[in-house]
């Protein structure tokens, strides 16, 4: 879900679980890192103008900003 207020944009990911997943923190880190990787890939495709050496090596400009990704997990116990 993308939420935009003024010029701020946050990507919110929600998951619900019925049972405990002991590796959920690792799974969330993987999902979040894939989301950040996708954002960087899109920036690589659009950053083709003149860059400094450091910017050229990373294909990431000093002024580029990533959209924060927040992941929430809700554990719902069914009775």
PDB file of N, CA and C in Angstrom:
ATOM      1  N   UNK A   1       0.847  -1.158   0.000  1.00  0.00           N
ATOM      2  CA  UNK A   1       0.000   0.000   0.000  1.00  0.00           C
ATOM      3  C   UNK A   1       0.895   1.225   0.000  1.00  0.00           C
ATOM      4  N   UNK A   2       0.612   2.165  -0.876  1.00  0.00           N
ATOM      5  CA  UNK A   2       1.364   3.416  -0.883  1.00  0.00           C
ATOM      6  C   UNK A   2       0.511   4.490  -0.230  1.00  0.00           C
ATOM      7  N   UNK A   3       1.131   5.260   0.649  1.00  0.00           N
ATOM      8  CA  UNK A   3       0.443   6.342   1.330  1.00  0.00           C
ATOM      9  C   UNK A   3       1.185   7.620   1.030  1.00  0.00           C
ATOM     10  N   UNK A   4       0.476   8.611   0.531  1.00  0.00           N
ATOM     11  CA  UNK A   4       1.127   9.863   0.195  1.00  0.00           C
ATOM     12  C   UNK A   4       0.404  11.010   0.886  1.00  0.00           C
ATOM     13  N   UNK A   5       1.154  11.744   1.667  1.00  0.00           N
ATOM     14  CA  UNK A   5       0.633  12.937   2.324  1.00  0.00           C
ATOM     15  C   UNK A   5       1.665  14.030   2.117  1.00  0.00           C
ATOM     16  N   UNK A   6       1.229  15.134   1.546  1.00  0.00           N
ATOM     17  CA  UNK A   6       2.135  16.206   1.152  1.00  0.00           C
ATOM     18  C   UNK A   6       3.173  15.615   0.189  1.00  0.00           C
ATOM     19  N   UNK A   7       4.454  15.679   0.534  1.00  0.00           N
ATOM     20  CA  UNK A   7       5.485  15.132  -0.341  1.00  0.00           C
ATOM     21  C   UNK A   7       6.089  13.852   0.235  1.00  0.00           C
ATOM     22  N   UNK A   8       5.518  13.351   1.328  1.00  0.00           N
ATOM     23  CA  UNK A   8       6.027  12.150   1.978  1.00  0.00           C
ATOM     24  C   UNK A   8       5.337  10.919   1.395  1.00  0.00           C
ATOM     25  N   UNK A   9       6.099   9.875   1.189  1.00  0.00           N
ATOM     26  CA  UNK A   9       5.547   8.634   0.673  1.00  0.00           C
ATOM     27  C   UNK A   9       6.140   7.490   1.478  1.00  0.00           C
ATOM     28  N   UNK A  10       5.274   6.589   1.931  1.00  0.00           N
ATOM     29  CA  UNK A  10       5.710   5.440   2.722  1.00  0.00           C
ATOM     30  C   UNK A  10       5.067   4.200   2.129  1.00  0.00           C
ATOM     31  N   UNK A  11       5.829   3.121   2.061  1.00  0.00           N
ATOM     32  CA  UNK A  11       5.304   1.854   1.597  1.00  0.00           C
ATOM     33  C   UNK A  11       5.033   0.993   2.826  1.00  0.00           C
ATOM     34  N   UNK A  12       3.772   0.625   3.022  1.00  0.00           N
ATOM     35  CA  UNK A  12       3.367  -0.137   4.194  1.00  0.00           C
ATOM     36  C   UNK A  12       2.972  -1.544   3.771  1.00  0.00           C
ATOM     37  N   UNK A  13       3.630  -2.535   4.356  1.00  0.00           N
ATOM     38  CA  UNK A  13       3.311  -3.932   4.070  1.00  0.00           C
ATOM     39  C   UNK A  13       2.725  -4.555   5.331  1.00  0.00           C
ATOM     40  N   UNK A  14       1.572  -5.179   5.202  1.00  0.00           N
ATOM     41  CA  UNK A  14       0.911  -5.821   6.347  1.00  0.00           C
ATOM     42  C   UNK A  14       0.751  -7.306   6.061  1.00  0.00           C
ATOM     43  N   UNK A  15       0.999  -8.084   7.069  1.00  0.00           N
ATOM     44  CA  UNK A  15       0.797  -9.529   6.972  1.00  0.00           C
ATOM     45  C   UNK A  15       0.047  -9.982   8.199  1.00  0.00           C
ATOM     46  N   UNK A  16      -0.784 -10.994   8.038  1.00  0.00           N
ATOM     47  CA  UNK A  16      -1.426 -11.579   9.199  1.00  0.00           C
ATOM     48  C   UNK A  16      -1.049 -13.055   9.270  1.00  0.00           C
ATOM     49  N   UNK A  17      -0.877 -13.516  10.489  1.00  0.00           N
ATOM     50  CA  UNK A  17      -0.467 -14.901  10.722  1.00  0.00           C
ATOM     51  C   UNK A  17      -1.410 -15.510  11.750  1.00  0.00           C
ATOM     52  N   UNK A  18      -1.754 -16.763  11.542  1.00  0.00           N
ATOM     53  CA  UNK A  18      -2.567 -17.484  12.519  1.00  0.00           C
ATOM     54  C   UNK A  18      -1.680 -18.256  13.494  1.00  0.00           C
ATOM     55  N   UNK A  19      -0.488 -18.591  13.060  1.00  0.00           N
ATOM     56  CA  UNK A  19       0.452 -19.328  13.907  1.00  0.00           C
ATOM     57  C   UNK A  19       1.788 -18.595  13.927  1.00  0.00           C
ATOM     58  N   UNK A  20       2.568 -18.869  14.951  1.00  0.00           N
ATOM     59  CA  UNK A  20       3.871 -18.222  15.094  1.00  0.00           C
ATOM     60  C   UNK A  20       4.807 -18.718  14.004  1.00  0.00           C
ATOM     61  N   UNK A  21       5.487 -17.790  13.368  1.00  0.00           N
ATOM     62  CA  UNK A  21       6.508 -18.101  12.363  1.00  0.00           C
ATOM     63  C   UNK A  21       7.824 -17.594  12.954  1.00  0.00           C
ATOM     64  N   UNK A  22       8.653 -18.497  13.409  1.00  0.00           N
ATOM     65  CA  UNK A  22       9.849 -18.104  14.167  1.00  0.00           C
ATOM     66  C   UNK A  22      10.891 -17.381  13.317  1.00  0.00           C
ATOM     67  N   UNK A  23      10.827 -17.504  12.025  1.00  0.00           N
ATOM     68  CA  UNK A  23      11.773 -16.812  11.149  1.00  0.00           C
ATOM     69  C   UNK A  23      11.118 -15.612  10.459  1.00  0.00           C
ATOM     70  N   UNK A  24      10.011 -15.124  11.015  1.00  0.00           N
ATOM     71  CA  UNK A  24       9.287 -14.017  10.381  1.00  0.00           C
ATOM     72  C   UNK A  24      10.146 -12.775  10.259  1.00  0.00           C
ATOM     73  N   UNK A  25      10.978 -12.492  11.239  1.00  0.00           N
ATOM     74  CA  UNK A  25      11.818 -11.288  11.145  1.00  0.00           C
ATOM     75  C   UNK A  25      12.769 -11.380   9.956  1.00  0.00           C
ATOM     76  N   UNK A  26      13.312 -12.565   9.704  1.00  0.00           N
ATOM     77  CA  UNK A  26      14.205 -12.751   8.555  1.00  0.00           C
ATOM     78  C   UNK A  26      13.415 -12.629   7.261  1.00  0.00           C
ATOM     79  N   UNK A  27      12.224 -13.228   7.233  1.00  0.00           N
ATOM     80  CA  UNK A  27      11.372 -13.155   6.039  1.00  0.00           C
ATOM     81  C   UNK A  27      11.015 -11.703   5.730  1.00  0.00           C
ATOM     82  N   UNK A  28      10.682 -10.923   6.773  1.00  0.00           N
ATOM     83  CA  UNK A  28      10.362  -9.510   6.553  1.00  0.00           C
ATOM     84  C   UNK A  28      11.566  -8.729   6.049  1.00  0.00           C
ATOM     85  N   UNK A  29      12.751  -9.034   6.581  1.00  0.00           N
ATOM     86  CA  UNK A  29      13.957  -8.354   6.091  1.00  0.00           C
ATOM     87  C   UNK A  29      14.179  -8.657   4.609  1.00  0.00           C
ATOM     88  N   UNK A  30      13.925  -9.887   4.196  1.00  0.00           N
ATOM     89  CA  UNK A  30      14.071 -10.247   2.779  1.00  0.00           C
ATOM     90  C   UNK A  30      13.083  -9.482   1.913  1.00  0.00           C
ATOM     91  N   UNK A  31      11.819  -9.442   2.338  1.00  0.00           N
ATOM     92  CA  UNK A  31      10.805  -8.700   1.576  1.00  0.00           C
ATOM     93  C   UNK A  31      11.168  -7.223   1.479  1.00  0.00           C
ATOM     94  N   UNK A  32      11.587  -6.644   2.611  1.00  0.00           N
ATOM     95  CA  UNK A  32      11.933  -5.226   2.618  1.00  0.00           C
ATOM     96  C   UNK A  32      13.145  -4.947   1.724  1.00  0.00           C
ATOM     97  N   UNK A  33      14.156  -5.817   1.800  1.00  0.00           N
ATOM     98  CA  UNK A  33      15.348  -5.599   0.972  1.00  0.00           C
ATOM     99  C   UNK A  33      15.022  -5.752  -0.508  1.00  0.00           C
ATOM    100  N   UNK A  34      14.121  -6.661  -0.864  1.00  0.00           N
ATOM    101  CA  UNK A  34      13.700  -6.778  -2.266  1.00  0.00           C
ATOM    102  C   UNK A  34      12.963  -5.526  -2.722  1.00  0.00           C
ATOM    103  N   UNK A  35      12.180  -4.945  -1.840  1.00  0.00           N
ATOM    104  CA  UNK A  35      11.483  -3.705  -2.174  1.00  0.00           C
ATOM    105  C   UNK A  35      12.479  -2.569  -2.403  1.00  0.00           C
ATOM    106  N   UNK A  36      13.471  -2.450  -1.508  1.00  0.00           N
ATOM    107  CA  UNK A  36      14.504  -1.423  -1.690  1.00  0.00           C
ATOM    108  C   UNK A  36      15.317  -1.696  -2.962  1.00  0.00           C
ATOM    109  N   UNK A  37      15.613  -2.947  -3.238  1.00  0.00           N
ATOM    110  CA  UNK A  37      16.342  -3.297  -4.460  1.00  0.00           C
ATOM    111  C   UNK A  37      15.584  -2.891  -5.709  1.00  0.00           C
ATOM    112  N   UNK A  38      14.266  -3.076  -5.700  1.00  0.00           N
ATOM    113  CA  UNK A  38      13.437  -2.647  -6.837  1.00  0.00           C
ATOM    114  C   UNK A  38      13.454  -1.142  -7.011  1.00  0.00           C
ATOM    115  N   UNK A  39      13.425  -0.421  -5.902  1.00  0.00           N
ATOM    116  CA  UNK A  39      13.487   1.039  -5.982  1.00  0.00           C
ATOM    117  C   UNK A  39      14.817   1.486  -6.586  1.00  0.00           C
ATOM    118  N   UNK A  40      15.897   0.868  -6.143  1.00  0.00           N
ATOM    119  CA  UNK A  40      17.225   1.224  -6.665  1.00  0.00           C
ATOM    120  C   UNK A  40      17.329   0.886  -8.146  1.00  0.00           C
ATOM    121  N   UNK A  41      16.781  -0.260  -8.543  1.00  0.00           N
ATOM    122  CA  UNK A  41      16.806  -0.652  -9.957  1.00  0.00           C
ATOM    123  C   UNK A  41      16.095   0.394 -10.826  1.00  0.00           C
ATOM    124  N   UNK A  42      14.943   0.892 -10.364  1.00  0.00           N
ATOM    125  CA  UNK A  42      14.228   1.926 -11.119  1.00  0.00           C
ATOM    126  C   UNK A  42      15.050   3.214 -11.183  1.00  0.00           C
ATOM    127  N   UNK A  43      15.777   3.539 -10.105  1.00  0.00           N
ATOM    128  CA  UNK A  43      16.623   4.735 -10.117  1.00  0.00           C
ATOM    129  C   UNK A  43      17.787   4.565 -11.084  1.00  0.00           C
ATOM    130  N   UNK A  44      18.353   3.354 -11.151  1.00  0.00           N
ATOM    131  CA  UNK A  44      19.447   3.096 -12.096  1.00  0.00           C
ATOM    132  C   UNK A  44      18.990   3.369 -13.518  1.00  0.00           C
ATOM    133  N   UNK A  45      17.764   2.976 -13.818  1.00  0.00           N
ATOM    134  CA  UNK A  45      17.261   3.146 -15.182  1.00  0.00           C
ATOM    135  C   UNK A  45      17.023   4.603 -15.539  1.00  0.00           C
ATOM    136  N   UNK A  46      16.737   5.456 -14.549  1.00  0.00           N
ATOM    137  CA  UNK A  46      16.458   6.856 -14.868  1.00  0.00           C
ATOM    138  C   UNK A  46      17.671   7.767 -14.683  1.00  0.00           C
ATOM    139  N   UNK A  47      18.695   7.343 -13.942  1.00  0.00           N
ATOM    140  CA  UNK A  47      19.877   8.173 -13.700  1.00  0.00           C
ATOM    141  C   UNK A  47      20.908   7.959 -14.811  1.00  0.00           C
ATOM    142  N   UNK A  48      20.726   8.654 -15.918  1.00  0.00           N
ATOM    143  CA  UNK A  48      21.659   8.509 -17.035  1.00  0.00           C
ATOM    144  C   UNK A  48      22.397   9.813 -17.337  1.00  0.00           C
ATOM    145  N   UNK A  49      22.032  10.879 -16.622  1.00  0.00           N
ATOM    146  CA  UNK A  49      22.679  12.168 -16.852  1.00  0.00           C
ATOM    147  C   UNK A  49      24.071  12.177 -16.225  1.00  0.00           C
ATOM    148  N   UNK A  50      24.775  13.291 -16.407  1.00  0.00           N
ATOM    149  CA  UNK A  50      26.134  13.423 -15.885  1.00  0.00           C
ATOM    150  C   UNK A  50      26.155  13.263 -14.374  1.00  0.00           C
ATOM    151  N   UNK A  51      27.076  12.430 -13.889  1.00  0.00           N
ATOM    152  CA  UNK A  51      27.193  12.154 -12.462  1.00  0.00           C
ATOM    153  C   UNK A  51      28.626  12.326 -12.014  1.00  0.00           C
ATOM    154  N   UNK A  52      28.792  12.476 -10.697  1.00  0.00           N
ATOM    155  CA  UNK A  52      30.139  12.485 -10.136  1.00  0.00           C
ATOM    156  C   UNK A  52      30.673  11.053 -10.178  1.00  0.00           C
ATOM    157  N   UNK A  53      31.938  10.875  -9.877  1.00  0.00           N
ATOM    158  CA  UNK A  53      32.535   9.533  -9.897  1.00  0.00           C
ATOM    159  C   UNK A  53      31.849   8.605  -8.907  1.00  0.00           C
ATOM    160  N   UNK A  54      31.633   9.087  -7.694  1.00  0.00           N
ATOM    161  CA  UNK A  54      30.979   8.251  -6.674  1.00  0.00           C
ATOM    162  C   UNK A  54      29.556   7.900  -7.088  1.00  0.00           C
ATOM    163  N   UNK A  55      28.837   8.869  -7.663  1.00  0.00           N
ATOM    164  CA  UNK A  55      27.476   8.606  -8.116  1.00  0.00           C
ATOM    165  C   UNK A  55      27.475   7.618  -9.273  1.00  0.00           C
ATOM    166  N   UNK A  56      28.438   7.750 -10.161  1.00  0.00           N
ATOM    167  CA  UNK A  56      28.509   6.844 -11.311  1.00  0.00           C
ATOM    168  C   UNK A  56      28.761   5.405 -10.871  1.00  0.00           C
ATOM    169  N   UNK A  57      29.644   5.221  -9.893  1.00  0.00           N
ATOM    170  CA  UNK A  57      29.968   3.869  -9.433  1.00  0.00           C
ATOM    171  C   UNK A  57      28.761   3.185  -8.796  1.00  0.00           C
ATOM    172  N   UNK A  58      27.958   3.944  -8.073  1.00  0.00           N
ATOM    173  CA  UNK A  58      26.793   3.350  -7.420  1.00  0.00           C
ATOM    174  C   UNK A  58      25.508   3.538  -8.223  1.00  0.00           C
ATOM    175  N   UNK A  59      25.550   4.390  -9.247  1.00  0.00           N
ATOM    176  CA  UNK A  59      24.367   4.762 -10.027  1.00  0.00           C
ATOM    177  C   UNK A  59      23.268   5.279  -9.116  1.00  0.00           C
ATOM    178  N   UNK A  60      23.678   5.961  -8.065  1.00  0.00           N
ATOM    179  CA  UNK A  60      22.770   6.486  -7.055  1.00  0.00           C
ATOM    180  C   UNK A  60      23.239   7.884  -6.728  1.00  0.00           C
ATOM    181  N   UNK A  61      22.433   8.887  -7.043  1.00  0.00           N
ATOM    182  CA  UNK A  61      22.826  10.270  -6.829  1.00  0.00           C
ATOM    183  C   UNK A  61      22.768  10.653  -5.349  1.00  0.00           C
ATOM    184  N   UNK A  62      23.531  11.664  -5.003  1.00  0.00           N
ATOM    185  CA  UNK A  62      23.560  12.132  -3.617  1.00  0.00           C
ATOM    186  C   UNK A  62      22.168  12.558  -3.154  1.00  0.00           C
ATOM    187  N   UNK A  63      21.374  13.104  -4.033  1.00  0.00           N
ATOM    188  CA  UNK A  63      20.036  13.582  -3.682  1.00  0.00           C
ATOM    189  C   UNK A  63      18.937  12.536  -3.794  1.00  0.00           C
ATOM    190  N   UNK A  64      19.249  11.342  -4.289  1.00  0.00           N
ATOM    191  CA  UNK A  64      18.233  10.296  -4.414  1.00  0.00           C
ATOM    192  C   UNK A  64      17.785   9.824  -3.038  1.00  0.00           C
ATOM    193  N   UNK A  65      16.511   9.552  -2.925  1.00  0.00           N
ATOM    194  CA  UNK A  65      15.959   9.075  -1.663  1.00  0.00           C
ATOM    195  C   UNK A  65      15.111   7.831  -1.922  1.00  0.00           C
ATOM    196  N   UNK A  66      15.240   6.875  -1.019  1.00  0.00           N
ATOM    197  CA  UNK A  66      14.416   5.674  -1.090  1.00  0.00           C
ATOM    198  C   UNK A  66      13.130   5.887  -0.302  1.00  0.00           C
ATOM    199  N   UNK A  67      12.068   5.260  -0.754  1.00  0.00           N
ATOM    200  CA  UNK A  67      10.799   5.299  -0.037  1.00  0.00           C
ATOM    201  C   UNK A  67      10.907   4.332   1.140  1.00  0.00           C
ATOM    202  N   UNK A  68      10.659   4.796   2.365  1.00  0.00           N
ATOM    203  CA  UNK A  68      10.742   3.890   3.516  1.00  0.00           C
ATOM    204  C   UNK A  68       9.724   2.755   3.404  1.00  0.00           C
ATOM    205  N   UNK A  69      10.134   1.575   3.817  1.00  0.00           N
ATOM    206  CA  UNK A  69       9.259   0.405   3.808  1.00  0.00           C
ATOM    207  C   UNK A  69       9.033  -0.027   5.255  1.00  0.00           C
ATOM    208  N   UNK A  70       7.784  -0.088   5.658  1.00  0.00           N
ATOM    209  CA  UNK A  70       7.414  -0.526   6.999  1.00  0.00           C
ATOM    210  C   UNK A  70       6.599  -1.802   6.880  1.00  0.00           C
ATOM    211  N   UNK A  71       6.986  -2.830   7.610  1.00  0.00           N
ATOM    212  CA  UNK A  71       6.261  -4.092   7.578  1.00  0.00           C
ATOM    213  C   UNK A  71       5.686  -4.370   8.962  1.00  0.00           C
ATOM    214  N   UNK A  72       4.398  -4.620   8.993  1.00  0.00           N
ATOM    215  CA  UNK A  72       3.710  -4.964  10.228  1.00  0.00           C
ATOM    216  C   UNK A  72       3.183  -6.385  10.111  1.00  0.00           C
ATOM    217  N   UNK A  73       3.333  -7.155  11.171  1.00  0.00           N
ATOM    218  CA  UNK A  73       2.805  -8.515  11.202  1.00  0.00           C
ATOM    219  C   UNK A  73       1.810  -8.606  12.345  1.00  0.00           C
ATOM    220  N   UNK A  74       0.618  -9.049  12.018  1.00  0.00           N
ATOM    221  CA  UNK A  74      -0.426  -9.223  13.015  1.00  0.00           C
ATOM    222  C   UNK A  74      -0.624 -10.711  13.248  1.00  0.00           C
ATOM    223  N   UNK A  75      -0.518 -11.124  14.482  1.00  0.00           N
ATOM    224  CA  UNK A  75      -0.770 -12.520  14.860  1.00  0.00           C
ATOM    225  C   UNK A  75      -2.198 -12.592  15.397  1.00  0.00           C
ATOM    226  N   UNK A  76      -3.054 -13.310  14.690  1.00  0.00           N
ATOM    227  CA  UNK A  76      -4.455 -13.447  15.076  1.00  0.00           C
ATOM    228  C   UNK A  76      -4.700 -14.882  15.509  1.00  0.00           C
ATOM    229  N   UNK A  77      -5.092 -15.036  16.737  1.00  0.00           N
ATOM    230  CA  UNK A  77      -5.363 -16.380  17.261  1.00  0.00           C
ATOM    231  C   UNK A  77      -6.820 -16.710  17.032  1.00  0.00           C
ATOM    232  N   UNK A  78      -7.057 -17.828  16.369  1.00  0.00           N
ATOM    233  CA  UNK A  78      -8.437 -18.272  16.132  1.00  0.00           C
ATOM    234  C   UNK A  78      -8.855 -19.206  17.263  1.00  0.00           C
ATOM    235  N   UNK A  79     -10.030 -18.992  17.743  1.00  0.00           N
ATOM    236  CA  UNK A  79     -10.538 -19.848  18.839  1.00  0.00           C
ATOM    237  C   UNK A  79     -11.752 -20.592  18.409  1.00  0.00           C
TER     238      UNK A  79
END
